[in-house]
Protein backbone atom coordinates (compact mmCIF):
# COMPACT_ATOMS: atom_id res chain seq x y z
CA UNK A 1 0.00 0.00 0.00
CA UNK A 2 1.25 3.44 -0.85
CA UNK A 3 2.51 5.27 2.28
CA UNK A 4 0.88 8.49 1.08
CA UNK A 5 -2.56 6.88 1.23
CA UNK A 6 -2.36 5.99 4.93
CA UNK A 7 -2.74 9.59 6.24
CA UNK A 8 -5.48 10.21 3.68
CA UNK A 9 -7.42 7.11 4.76
CA UNK A 10 -6.93 8.03 8.44
CA UNK A 11 -8.23 11.55 7.82
CA UNK A 12 -11.25 10.21 5.91
CA UNK A 13 -12.15 7.81 8.72
CA UNK A 14 -11.68 10.51 11.35
CA UNK A 15 -13.80 13.00 9.40
CA UNK A 16 -16.58 10.49 8.67
CA UNK A 17 -16.86 9.56 12.36
CA UNK A 18 -18.14 13.09 13.08
CA UNK A 19 -21.23 12.58 10.94
CA UNK A 20 -24.31 10.47 11.47
CA UNK A 21 -27.27 10.53 9.09
CA UNK A 22 -25.86 13.66 7.46
CA UNK A 23 -26.00 15.64 10.72
CA UNK A 24 -22.74 16.72 12.32
CA UNK A 25 -22.32 15.20 15.76
CA UNK A 26 -20.13 16.85 18.40
CA UNK A 27 -16.93 14.99 19.13
CA UNK A 28 -16.71 13.88 22.74
CA UNK A 29 -13.38 14.13 24.49
CA UNK A 30 -11.89 10.88 25.65
CA UNK A 31 -12.01 10.49 29.41
CA UNK A 32 -12.09 7.65 31.89
CA UNK A 33 -15.56 6.74 33.09
CA UNK A 34 -16.67 4.26 35.70
CA UNK A 35 -18.58 1.18 34.58
CA UNK A 36 -21.50 1.88 36.89
CA UNK A 37 -24.91 2.46 35.29
CA UNK A 38 -26.59 5.57 36.73
CA UNK A 39 -30.34 6.08 36.98
CA UNK A 40 -31.95 9.26 38.32
CA UNK A 41 -35.09 8.76 40.39
CA UNK A 42 -38.12 10.86 41.29
CA UNK A 43 -40.89 10.38 43.87
CA UNK A 44 -44.46 11.59 44.21
CA UNK A 45 -46.10 12.18 47.59
CA UNK A 46 -49.68 12.81 48.66
CA UNK A 47 -50.85 15.89 50.57
CA UNK A 48 -49.67 14.26 53.84
CA UNK A 49 -46.16 13.59 52.49
CA UNK A 50 -46.67 9.85 52.02
CA UNK A 51 -45.10 8.34 48.88
CA UNK A 52 -47.63 7.22 46.25
CA UNK A 53 -47.70 5.46 42.90
CA UNK A 54 -49.07 7.75 40.19
CA UNK A 55 -50.93 7.18 36.94
CA UNK A 56 -49.75 8.50 33.57
CA UNK A 57 -46.12 9.08 34.56
CA UNK A 58 -43.96 10.79 31.93
CA UNK A 59 -40.52 12.38 31.74
CA UNK A 60 -40.22 14.58 28.63
CA UNK A 61 -37.10 16.43 27.43
CA UNK A 62 -38.40 19.96 26.79
CA UNK A 63 -35.56 20.77 24.34
CA UNK A 64 -36.38 17.86 22.01
CA UNK A 65 -39.99 17.25 23.11
CA UNK A 66 -39.14 13.53 23.27
CA UNK A 67 -40.28 11.23 26.05
CA UNK A 68 -37.34 9.85 28.03
CA UNK A 69 -39.45 7.57 30.19
CA UNK A 70 -43.12 6.86 30.53
CA UNK A 71 -44.57 4.38 32.96
CA UNK A 72 -41.14 4.54 34.60
CA UNK A 73 -42.11 2.86 37.87
CA UNK A 74 -38.89 1.14 38.83
CA UNK A 75 -40.25 -1.80 40.82
CA UNK A 76 -44.05 -2.05 40.99
CA UNK A 77 -45.36 -2.86 44.45
CA UNK A 78 -42.19 -1.74 46.24
CA UNK A 79 -42.63 0.94 48.88
CA UNK A 80 -41.85 3.76 48.45
CA UNK A 81 -42.37 3.82 44.68
CA UNK A 82 -39.63 5.50 42.61
CA UNK A 83 -39.77 6.64 39.00
CA UNK A 84 -36.94 6.82 36.51
CA UNK A 85 -36.27 10.31 35.12
CA UNK A 86 -33.30 9.28 32.99
CA UNK A 87 -30.46 6.78 32.95
CA UNK A 88 -27.16 6.35 31.18
CA UNK A 89 -28.96 4.94 28.14
CA UNK A 90 -30.36 8.47 27.71
CA UNK A 91 -26.93 10.20 27.48
CA UNK A 92 -27.28 10.76 23.73
CA UNK A 93 -30.70 12.37 24.21
CA UNK A 94 -29.44 14.99 26.67
CA UNK A 95 -27.05 17.93 26.27
CA UNK A 96 -23.74 18.27 28.14
CA UNK A 97 -24.90 21.28 30.17
CA UNK A 98 -28.34 19.87 30.84
CA UNK A 99 -31.86 19.90 29.46
CA UNK A 100 -35.08 20.72 31.27
CA UNK A 101 -37.11 17.55 31.75
CA UNK A 102 -40.82 17.84 32.59
CA UNK A 103 -41.92 15.11 35.00
CA UNK A 104 -45.63 14.57 35.38
CA UNK A 105 -48.02 12.17 37.04
CA UNK A 106 -51.60 11.92 38.23
CA UNK A 107 -52.66 11.13 41.79
CA UNK A 108 -55.04 8.16 41.40
CA UNK A 109 -57.06 9.21 44.46
CA UNK A 110 -57.60 12.93 43.77
CA UNK A 111 -57.15 12.67 39.97
CA UNK A 112 -54.92 15.76 40.19
CA UNK A 113 -52.09 15.97 37.65
CA UNK A 114 -48.92 17.85 38.53
CA UNK A 115 -45.69 18.59 36.69
CA UNK A 116 -42.20 19.48 37.93
CA UNK A 117 -39.16 20.45 35.87
CA UNK A 118 -35.67 19.15 36.61
CA UNK A 119 -32.50 19.87 34.67
CA UNK A 120 -30.59 16.73 33.64
CA UNK A 121 -27.20 16.60 31.93
CA UNK A 122 -25.91 13.91 29.62
CA UNK A 123 -24.23 14.22 26.24
CA UNK A 124 -20.48 13.63 26.43
CA UNK A 125 -20.52 13.27 30.21
CA UNK A 126 -19.81 9.83 31.64
CA UNK A 127 -23.19 9.56 33.32
CA UNK A 128 -26.51 11.37 33.52
CA UNK A 129 -26.71 13.80 36.43
CA UNK A 130 -29.38 16.00 37.95
CA UNK A 131 -28.24 19.63 37.67
CA UNK A 132 -31.19 21.23 39.45
CA UNK A 133 -34.80 20.73 40.44
CA UNK A 134 -36.80 18.87 43.08
CA UNK A 135 -36.45 15.21 44.08
CA UNK A 136 -40.19 14.80 44.59
CA UNK A 137 -43.54 16.36 43.82
CA UNK A 138 -46.33 16.78 46.39
CA UNK A 139 -50.01 16.75 45.49
CA UNK A 140 -52.48 19.12 47.17
């Protein structure tokens, strides 16, 4: 193989790795990440502060308007119930600095629906992380 072609082939491979479906993707810096799998959780509580399971749970990225998780009850029947906001599988759906994620659910007793917004980062980070926002939502 011609030695002049090697740098050309390397450059072509490097350049093509920055594109996916014709849309330029940001290049992530190489850094060491742990092998743990991170999931961010959220809880709903009734007017007395007791944890409850809600109906119609959704976590929607407000930047993309895409649902990250719906019906995200982690382990049905376990007390207190916890819902998944995002996990490391969602890294590509979230920006490095964080996206606002609307979390909503309906109290099955009062039929009241409430929404909270949390900021969650992903992107080129090693793991998803909650940047800001509440850990739980209380119904009236």
